Amino acid sequence: TPLPDAAVAASIDTAARAAAARGAHSVAAVLAERA
């Protein structure tokens, strides 16, 4: 996704939280920044 997109950003944000809940904080940080 090259341009801002609210739905895509929300989906990536959800995945970031899920990654953090599993302890994958580095992955979660990258996803949250992209969101």
Full PDB file with SEQRES, HELIX, SHEET, SSBOND, CRYST1, ORIGX, SCALE, CONECT and MASTER records, all heavy atoms in Angstrom:
SEQRES   1 A   35  THR PRO LEU PRO ASP ALA ALA VAL ALA ALA SER ILE ASP          
SEQRES   2 A   35  THR ALA ALA ARG ALA ALA ALA ALA ARG GLY ALA HIS SER          
SEQRES   3 A   35  VAL ALA ALA VAL LEU ALA GLU ARG ALA                          
HELIX    1 AA1 ALA A    6  ALA A   21  1                                  16    
HELIX    2 AA2 HIS A   25  ARG A   34  1                                  10    
CRYST1    1.000    1.000    1.000  90.00  90.00  90.00 P 1           1          
ORIGX1      1.000000  0.000000  0.000000        0.00000                         
ORIGX2      0.000000  1.000000  0.000000        0.00000                         
ORIGX3      0.000000  0.000000  1.000000        0.00000                         
SCALE1      1.000000  0.000000  0.000000        0.00000                         
SCALE2      0.000000  1.000000  0.000000        0.00000                         
SCALE3      0.000000  0.000000  1.000000        0.00000                         
ATOM      1  N   THR A   1       0.850  -1.198   0.000  1.00  0.00           N  
ATOM      2  CA  THR A   1       0.000   0.000   0.000  1.00  0.00           C  
ATOM      3  C   THR A   1       0.880   1.241   0.000  1.00  0.00           C  
ATOM      4  O   THR A   1       1.495   1.570   1.019  1.00  0.00           O  
ATOM      5  CB  THR A   1      -0.916   0.011   1.240  1.00  0.00           C  
ATOM      6  OG1 THR A   1      -1.615  -1.230   1.307  1.00  0.00           O  
ATOM      7  CG2 THR A   1      -1.906   1.159   1.169  1.00  0.00           C  
ATOM      8  N   PRO A   2       0.983   1.957  -1.114  1.00  0.00           N  
ATOM      9  CA  PRO A   2       1.900   3.101  -1.183  1.00  0.00           C  
ATOM     10  C   PRO A   2       1.342   4.385  -0.582  1.00  0.00           C  
ATOM     11  O   PRO A   2       2.103   5.248  -0.148  1.00  0.00           O  
ATOM     12  CB  PRO A   2       2.121   3.271  -2.683  1.00  0.00           C  
ATOM     13  CG  PRO A   2       0.860   2.764  -3.307  1.00  0.00           C  
ATOM     14  CD  PRO A   2       0.373   1.655  -2.420  1.00  0.00           C  
ATOM     15  N   LEU A   3       0.004   4.531  -0.541  1.00  0.00           N  
ATOM     16  CA  LEU A   3      -0.612   5.784  -0.098  1.00  0.00           C  
ATOM     17  C   LEU A   3      -1.422   5.548   1.168  1.00  0.00           C  
ATOM     18  O   LEU A   3      -1.842   4.418   1.453  1.00  0.00           O  
ATOM     19  CB  LEU A   3      -1.516   6.339  -1.204  1.00  0.00           C  
ATOM     20  CG  LEU A   3      -0.817   6.681  -2.523  1.00  0.00           C  
ATOM     21  CD1 LEU A   3      -1.845   7.079  -3.580  1.00  0.00           C  
ATOM     22  CD2 LEU A   3       0.203   7.785  -2.332  1.00  0.00           C  
ATOM     23  N   PRO A   4      -1.666   6.608   1.942  1.00  0.00           N  
ATOM     24  CA  PRO A   4      -2.458   6.450   3.166  1.00  0.00           C  
ATOM     25  C   PRO A   4      -3.807   5.803   2.896  1.00  0.00           C  
ATOM     26  O   PRO A   4      -4.481   6.102   1.922  1.00  0.00           O  
ATOM     27  CB  PRO A   4      -2.621   7.886   3.669  1.00  0.00           C  
ATOM     28  CG  PRO A   4      -1.407   8.600   3.156  1.00  0.00           C  
ATOM     29  CD  PRO A   4      -1.151   7.990   1.805  1.00  0.00           C  
ATOM     30  N   ASP A   5      -4.175   4.890   3.816  1.00  0.00           N  
ATOM     31  CA  ASP A   5      -5.432   4.159   3.679  1.00  0.00           C  
ATOM     32  C   ASP A   5      -5.893   3.799   5.087  1.00  0.00           C  
ATOM     33  O   ASP A   5      -5.231   3.025   5.778  1.00  0.00           O  
ATOM     34  CB  ASP A   5      -5.222   2.902   2.833  1.00  0.00           C  
ATOM     35  CG  ASP A   5      -6.505   2.143   2.560  1.00  0.00           C  
ATOM     36  OD1 ASP A   5      -7.191   1.781   3.525  1.00  0.00           O  
ATOM     37  OD2 ASP A   5      -6.806   1.898   1.375  1.00  0.00           O  
ATOM     38  N   ALA A   6      -7.022   4.349   5.514  1.00  0.00           N  
ATOM     39  CA  ALA A   6      -7.476   4.177   6.896  1.00  0.00           C  
ATOM     40  C   ALA A   6      -7.715   2.709   7.241  1.00  0.00           C  
ATOM     41  O   ALA A   6      -7.332   2.240   8.323  1.00  0.00           O  
ATOM     42  CB  ALA A   6      -8.740   4.988   7.134  1.00  0.00           C  
ATOM     43  N   ALA A   7      -8.345   1.959   6.321  1.00  0.00           N  
ATOM     44  CA  ALA A   7      -8.664   0.556   6.603  1.00  0.00           C  
ATOM     45  C   ALA A   7      -7.395  -0.283   6.712  1.00  0.00           C  
ATOM     46  O   ALA A   7      -7.265  -1.125   7.607  1.00  0.00           O  
ATOM     47  CB  ALA A   7      -9.583   0.006   5.516  1.00  0.00           C  
ATOM     48  N   VAL A   8      -6.463  -0.062   5.801  1.00  0.00           N  
ATOM     49  CA  VAL A   8      -5.211  -0.808   5.837  1.00  0.00           C  
ATOM     50  C   VAL A   8      -4.419  -0.462   7.104  1.00  0.00           C  
ATOM     51  O   VAL A   8      -3.861  -1.337   7.771  1.00  0.00           O  
ATOM     52  CB  VAL A   8      -4.373  -0.511   4.576  1.00  0.00           C  
ATOM     53  CG1 VAL A   8      -2.972  -1.115   4.709  1.00  0.00           C  
ATOM     54  CG2 VAL A   8      -5.064  -1.071   3.339  1.00  0.00           C  
ATOM     55  N   ALA A   9      -4.377   0.826   7.437  1.00  0.00           N  
ATOM     56  CA  ALA A   9      -3.656   1.256   8.644  1.00  0.00           C  
ATOM     57  C   ALA A   9      -4.239   0.594   9.888  1.00  0.00           C  
ATOM     58  O   ALA A   9      -3.494   0.141  10.779  1.00  0.00           O  
ATOM     59  CB  ALA A   9      -3.711   2.774   8.782  1.00  0.00           C  
ATOM     60  N   ALA A  10      -5.577   0.516   9.967  1.00  0.00           N  
ATOM     61  CA  ALA A  10      -6.220  -0.110  11.124  1.00  0.00           C  
ATOM     62  C   ALA A  10      -5.888  -1.593  11.193  1.00  0.00           C  
ATOM     63  O   ALA A  10      -5.652  -2.146  12.278  1.00  0.00           O  
ATOM     64  CB  ALA A  10      -7.733   0.095  11.046  1.00  0.00           C  
ATOM     65  N   SER A  11      -5.851  -2.266  10.041  1.00  0.00           N  
ATOM     66  CA  SER A  11      -5.532  -3.694  10.005  1.00  0.00           C  
ATOM     67  C   SER A  11      -4.099  -3.944  10.468  1.00  0.00           C  
ATOM     68  O   SER A  11      -3.828  -4.876  11.237  1.00  0.00           O  
ATOM     69  CB  SER A  11      -5.744  -4.231   8.587  1.00  0.00           C  
ATOM     70  OG  SER A  11      -5.408  -5.596   8.515  1.00  0.00           O  
ATOM     71  N   ILE A  12      -3.170  -3.098  10.017  1.00  0.00           N  
ATOM     72  CA  ILE A  12      -1.767  -3.255  10.411  1.00  0.00           C  
ATOM     73  C   ILE A  12      -1.600  -2.960  11.903  1.00  0.00           C  
ATOM     74  O   ILE A  12      -0.840  -3.629  12.609  1.00  0.00           O  
ATOM     75  CB  ILE A  12      -0.878  -2.331   9.561  1.00  0.00           C  
ATOM     76  CG1 ILE A  12      -0.936  -2.747   8.091  1.00  0.00           C  
ATOM     77  CG2 ILE A  12       0.571  -2.367  10.049  1.00  0.00           C  
ATOM     78  CD1 ILE A  12      -0.278  -1.760   7.147  1.00  0.00           C  
ATOM     79  N   ASP A  13      -2.341  -1.962  12.390  1.00  0.00           N  
ATOM     80  CA  ASP A  13      -2.288  -1.624  13.818  1.00  0.00           C  
ATOM     81  C   ASP A  13      -2.755  -2.801  14.668  1.00  0.00           C  
ATOM     82  O   ASP A  13      -2.165  -3.116  15.712  1.00  0.00           O  
ATOM     83  CB  ASP A  13      -3.161  -0.397  14.070  1.00  0.00           C  
ATOM     84  CG  ASP A  13      -3.030   0.125  15.495  1.00  0.00           C  
ATOM     85  OD1 ASP A  13      -1.907   0.096  16.039  1.00  0.00           O  
ATOM     86  OD2 ASP A  13      -4.032   0.570  16.062  1.00  0.00           O  
ATOM     87  N   THR A  14      -3.808  -3.472  14.237  1.00  0.00           N  
ATOM     88  CA  THR A  14      -4.314  -4.649  14.952  1.00  0.00           C  
ATOM     89  C   THR A  14      -3.255  -5.755  14.984  1.00  0.00           C  
ATOM     90  O   THR A  14      -3.043  -6.402  16.014  1.00  0.00           O  
ATOM     91  CB  THR A  14      -5.600  -5.173  14.290  1.00  0.00           C  
ATOM     92  OG1 THR A  14      -6.596  -4.149  14.333  1.00  0.00           O  
ATOM     93  CG2 THR A  14      -6.111  -6.417  14.999  1.00  0.00           C  
ATOM     94  N   ALA A  15      -2.587  -5.956  13.864  1.00  0.00           N  
ATOM     95  CA  ALA A  15      -1.531  -6.970  13.807  1.00  0.00           C  
ATOM     96  C   ALA A  15      -0.356  -6.608  14.707  1.00  0.00           C  
ATOM     97  O   ALA A  15       0.266  -7.486  15.315  1.00  0.00           O  
ATOM     98  CB  ALA A  15      -1.051  -7.136  12.363  1.00  0.00           C  
ATOM     99  N   ALA A  16      -0.057  -5.315  14.806  1.00  0.00           N  
ATOM    100  CA  ALA A  16       1.029  -4.874  15.689  1.00  0.00           C  
ATOM    101  C   ALA A  16       0.724  -5.220  17.139  1.00  0.00           C  
ATOM    102  O   ALA A  16       1.582  -5.713  17.879  1.00  0.00           O  
ATOM    103  CB  ALA A  16       1.241  -3.367  15.540  1.00  0.00           C  
ATOM    104  N   ARG A  17      -0.513  -4.987  17.548  1.00  0.00           N  
ATOM    105  CA  ARG A  17      -0.905  -5.305  18.928  1.00  0.00           C  
ATOM    106  C   ARG A  17      -0.828  -6.805  19.180  1.00  0.00           C  
ATOM    107  O   ARG A  17      -0.411  -7.249  20.254  1.00  0.00           O  
ATOM    108  CB  ARG A  17      -2.311  -4.792  19.208  1.00  0.00           C  
ATOM    109  CG  ARG A  17      -2.453  -3.272  19.087  1.00  0.00           C  
ATOM    110  CD  ARG A  17      -3.833  -2.858  19.523  1.00  0.00           C  
ATOM    111  NE  ARG A  17      -4.214  -1.564  18.992  1.00  0.00           N  
ATOM    112  CZ  ARG A  17      -5.035  -0.728  19.588  1.00  0.00           C  
ATOM    113  NH1 ARG A  17      -5.545  -1.039  20.751  1.00  0.00           N  
ATOM    114  NH2 ARG A  17      -5.354   0.431  19.037  1.00  0.00           N  
ATOM    115  N   ALA A  18      -1.250  -7.585  18.186  1.00  0.00           N  
ATOM    116  CA  ALA A  18      -1.200  -9.042  18.337  1.00  0.00           C  
ATOM    117  C   ALA A  18       0.247  -9.530  18.450  1.00  0.00           C  
ATOM    118  O   ALA A  18       0.557 -10.413  19.255  1.00  0.00           O  
ATOM    119  CB  ALA A  18      -1.895  -9.714  17.145  1.00  0.00           C  
ATOM    120  N   ALA A  19       1.137  -8.941  17.647  1.00  0.00           N  
ATOM    121  CA  ALA A  19       2.551  -9.319  17.721  1.00  0.00           C  
ATOM    122  C   ALA A  19       3.131  -8.979  19.085  1.00  0.00           C  
ATOM    123  O   ALA A  19       3.891  -9.755  19.675  1.00  0.00           O  
ATOM    124  CB  ALA A  19       3.338  -8.609  16.620  1.00  0.00           C  
ATOM    125  N   ALA A  20       2.761  -7.813  19.630  1.00  0.00           N  
ATOM    126  CA  ALA A  20       3.252  -7.419  20.953  1.00  0.00           C  
ATOM    127  C   ALA A  20       2.735  -8.361  22.024  1.00  0.00           C  
ATOM    128  O   ALA A  20       3.464  -8.710  22.968  1.00  0.00           O  
ATOM    129  CB  ALA A  20       2.828  -5.984  21.259  1.00  0.00           C  
ATOM    130  N   ALA A  21       1.483  -8.792  21.899  1.00  0.00           N  
ATOM    131  CA  ALA A  21       0.904  -9.710  22.886  1.00  0.00           C  
ATOM    132  C   ALA A  21       1.654 -11.036  22.897  1.00  0.00           C  
ATOM    133  O   ALA A  21       1.712 -11.706  23.938  1.00  0.00           O  
ATOM    134  CB  ALA A  21      -0.573  -9.941  22.571  1.00  0.00           C  
ATOM    135  N   ARG A  22       2.246 -11.413  21.771  1.00  0.00           N  
ATOM    136  CA  ARG A  22       3.036 -12.649  21.704  1.00  0.00           C  
ATOM    137  C   ARG A  22       4.478 -12.426  22.140  1.00  0.00           C  
ATOM    138  O   ARG A  22       5.267 -13.367  22.163  1.00  0.00           O  
ATOM    139  CB  ARG A  22       3.022 -13.204  20.274  1.00  0.00           C  
ATOM    140  CG  ARG A  22       1.676 -13.708  19.798  1.00  0.00           C  
ATOM    141  CD  ARG A  22       1.841 -14.633  18.596  1.00  0.00           C  
ATOM    142  NE  ARG A  22       2.507 -13.958  17.492  1.00  0.00           N  
ATOM    143  CZ  ARG A  22       1.873 -13.275  16.532  1.00  0.00           C  
ATOM    144  NH1 ARG A  22       0.569 -13.144  16.583  1.00  0.00           N  
ATOM    145  NH2 ARG A  22       2.532 -12.722  15.553  1.00  0.00           N  
ATOM    146  N   GLY A  23       4.840 -11.181  22.418  1.00  0.00           N  
ATOM    147  CA  GLY A  23       6.210 -10.896  22.827  1.00  0.00           C  
ATOM    148  C   GLY A  23       7.130 -10.500  21.692  1.00  0.00           C  
ATOM    149  O   GLY A  23       8.319 -10.277  21.918  1.00  0.00           O  
ATOM    150  N   ALA A  24       6.603 -10.388  20.465  1.00  0.00           N  
ATOM    151  CA  ALA A  24       7.422  -9.997  19.312  1.00  0.00           C  
ATOM    152  C   ALA A  24       7.437  -8.473  19.214  1.00  0.00           C  
ATOM    153  O   ALA A  24       6.848  -7.872  18.309  1.00  0.00           O  
ATOM    154  CB  ALA A  24       6.878 -10.622  18.035  1.00  0.00           C  
ATOM    155  N   HIS A  25       8.131  -7.805  20.143  1.00  0.00           N  
ATOM    156  CA  HIS A  25       8.049  -6.350  20.252  1.00  0.00           C  
ATOM    157  C   HIS A  25       8.731  -5.628  19.087  1.00  0.00           C  
ATOM    158  O   HIS A  25       8.273  -4.575  18.657  1.00  0.00           O  
ATOM    159  CB  HIS A  25       8.638  -5.900  21.581  1.00  0.00           C  
ATOM    160  CG  HIS A  25       7.894  -6.449  22.761  1.00  0.00           C  
ATOM    161  ND1 HIS A  25       6.605  -6.083  23.049  1.00  0.00           N  
ATOM    162  CD2 HIS A  25       8.248  -7.363  23.701  1.00  0.00           C  
ATOM    163  CE1 HIS A  25       6.195  -6.735  24.132  1.00  0.00           C  
ATOM    164  NE2 HIS A  25       7.171  -7.511  24.540  1.00  0.00           N  
ATOM    165  N   SER A  26       9.827  -6.161  18.586  1.00  0.00           N  
ATOM    166  CA  SER A  26      10.503  -5.522  17.454  1.00  0.00           C  
ATOM    167  C   SER A  26       9.604  -5.518  16.218  1.00  0.00           C  
ATOM    168  O   SER A  26       9.496  -4.513  15.510  1.00  0.00           O  
ATOM    169  CB  SER A  26      11.821  -6.238  17.147  1.00  0.00           C  
ATOM    170  OG  SER A  26      12.723  -6.102  18.208  1.00  0.00           O  
ATOM    171  N   VAL A  27       8.967  -6.659  15.962  1.00  0.00           N  
ATOM    172  CA  VAL A  27       8.034  -6.756  14.835  1.00  0.00           C  
ATOM    173  C   VAL A  27       6.857  -5.808  15.048  1.00  0.00           C  
ATOM    174  O   VAL A  27       6.434  -5.093  14.131  1.00  0.00           O  
ATOM    175  CB  VAL A  27       7.539  -8.209  14.677  1.00  0.00           C  
ATOM    176  CG1 VAL A  27       6.438  -8.288  13.619  1.00  0.00           C  
ATOM    177  CG2 VAL A  27       8.695  -9.123  14.318  1.00  0.00           C  
ATOM    178  N   ALA A  28       6.338  -5.787  16.272  1.00  0.00           N  
ATOM    179  CA  ALA A  28       5.201  -4.915  16.591  1.00  0.00           C  
ATOM    180  C   ALA A  28       5.550  -3.454  16.369  1.00  0.00           C  
ATOM    181  O   ALA A  28       4.728  -2.678  15.868  1.00  0.00           O  
ATOM    182  CB  ALA A  28       4.765  -5.142  18.038  1.00  0.00           C  
ATOM    183  N   ALA A  29       6.765  -3.066  16.730  1.00  0.00           N  
ATOM    184  CA  ALA A  29       7.185  -1.675  16.566  1.00  0.00           C  
ATOM    185  C   ALA A  29       7.212  -1.276  15.094  1.00  0.00           C  
ATOM    186  O   ALA A  29       6.740  -0.193  14.718  1.00  0.00           O  
ATOM    187  CB  ALA A  29       8.559  -1.468  17.197  1.00  0.00           C  
ATOM    188  N   VAL A  30       7.757  -2.140  14.252  1.00  0.00           N  
ATOM    189  CA  VAL A  30       7.820  -1.856  12.807  1.00  0.00           C  
ATOM    190  C   VAL A  30       6.409  -1.737  12.226  1.00  0.00           C  
ATOM    191  O   VAL A  30       6.113  -0.819  11.444  1.00  0.00           O  
ATOM    192  CB  VAL A  30       8.621  -2.957  12.081  1.00  0.00           C  
ATOM    193  CG1 VAL A  30       8.515  -2.783  10.571  1.00  0.00           C  
ATOM    194  CG2 VAL A  30      10.080  -2.927  12.514  1.00  0.00           C  
ATOM    195  N   LEU A  31       5.526  -2.652  12.602  1.00  0.00           N  
ATOM    196  CA  LEU A  31       4.160  -2.617  12.092  1.00  0.00           C  
ATOM    197  C   LEU A  31       3.417  -1.368  12.565  1.00  0.00           C  
ATOM    198  O   LEU A  31       2.696  -0.727  11.791  1.00  0.00           O  
ATOM    199  CB  LEU A  31       3.401  -3.873  12.539  1.00  0.00           C  
ATOM    200  CG  LEU A  31       3.815  -5.184  11.869  1.00  0.00           C  
ATOM    201  CD1 LEU A  31       3.106  -6.358  12.525  1.00  0.00           C  
ATOM    202  CD2 LEU A  31       3.516  -5.159  10.374  1.00  0.00           C  
ATOM    203  N   ALA A  32       3.599  -1.001  13.836  1.00  0.00           N  
ATOM    204  CA  ALA A  32       2.912   0.180  14.359  1.00  0.00           C  
ATOM    205  C   ALA A  32       3.387   1.454  13.663  1.00  0.00           C  
ATOM    206  O   ALA A  32       2.592   2.355  13.376  1.00  0.00           O  
ATOM    207  CB  ALA A  32       3.129   0.285  15.864  1.00  0.00           C  
ATOM    208  N   GLU A  33       4.679   1.530  13.390  1.00  0.00           N  
ATOM    209  CA  GLU A  33       5.192   2.702  12.658  1.00  0.00           C  
ATOM    210  C   GLU A  33       4.605   2.758  11.255  1.00  0.00           C  
ATOM    211  O   GLU A  33       4.266   3.839  10.749  1.00  0.00           O  
ATOM    212  CB  GLU A  33       6.717   2.661  12.605  1.00  0.00           C  
ATOM    213  CG  GLU A  33       7.396   3.081  13.890  1.00  0.00           C  
ATOM    214  CD  GLU A  33       8.830   3.522  13.652  1.00  0.00           C  
ATOM    215  OE1 GLU A  33       9.038   4.462  12.856  1.00  0.00           O  
ATOM    216  OE2 GLU A  33       9.736   2.911  14.260  1.00  0.00           O  
ATOM    217  N   ARG A  34       4.494   1.596  10.617  1.00  0.00           N  
ATOM    218  CA  ARG A  34       3.923   1.575   9.272  1.00  0.00           C  
ATOM    219  C   ARG A  34       2.441   1.938   9.309  1.00  0.00           C  
ATOM    220  O   ARG A  34       1.930   2.639   8.419  1.00  0.00           O  
ATOM    221  CB  ARG A  34       4.108   0.186   8.645  1.00  0.00           C  
ATOM    222  CG  ARG A  34       3.683   0.096   7.187  1.00  0.00           C  
ATOM    223  CD  ARG A  34       4.434   1.069   6.316  1.00  0.00           C  
ATOM    224  NE  ARG A  34       3.978   1.023   4.927  1.00  0.00           N  
ATOM    225  CZ  ARG A  34       4.151   1.997   4.050  1.00  0.00           C  
ATOM    226  NH1 ARG A  34       4.779   3.111   4.421  1.00  0.00           N  
ATOM    227  NH2 ARG A  34       3.722   1.876   2.820  1.00  0.00           N  
ATOM    228  N   ALA A  35       1.728   1.499  10.348  1.00  0.00           N  
ATOM    229  CA  ALA A  35       0.324   1.869  10.508  1.00  0.00           C  
ATOM    230  C   ALA A  35       0.195   3.383  10.635  1.00  0.00           C  
ATOM    231  O   ALA A  35      -0.718   3.989  10.059  1.00  0.00           O  
ATOM    232  CB  ALA A  35      -0.262   1.180  11.733  1.00  0.00           C  
TER     233      ALA A  35                                                      
MASTER        0    0    0    2    0    0    0    6  232    1    0    3          
END                                                                             
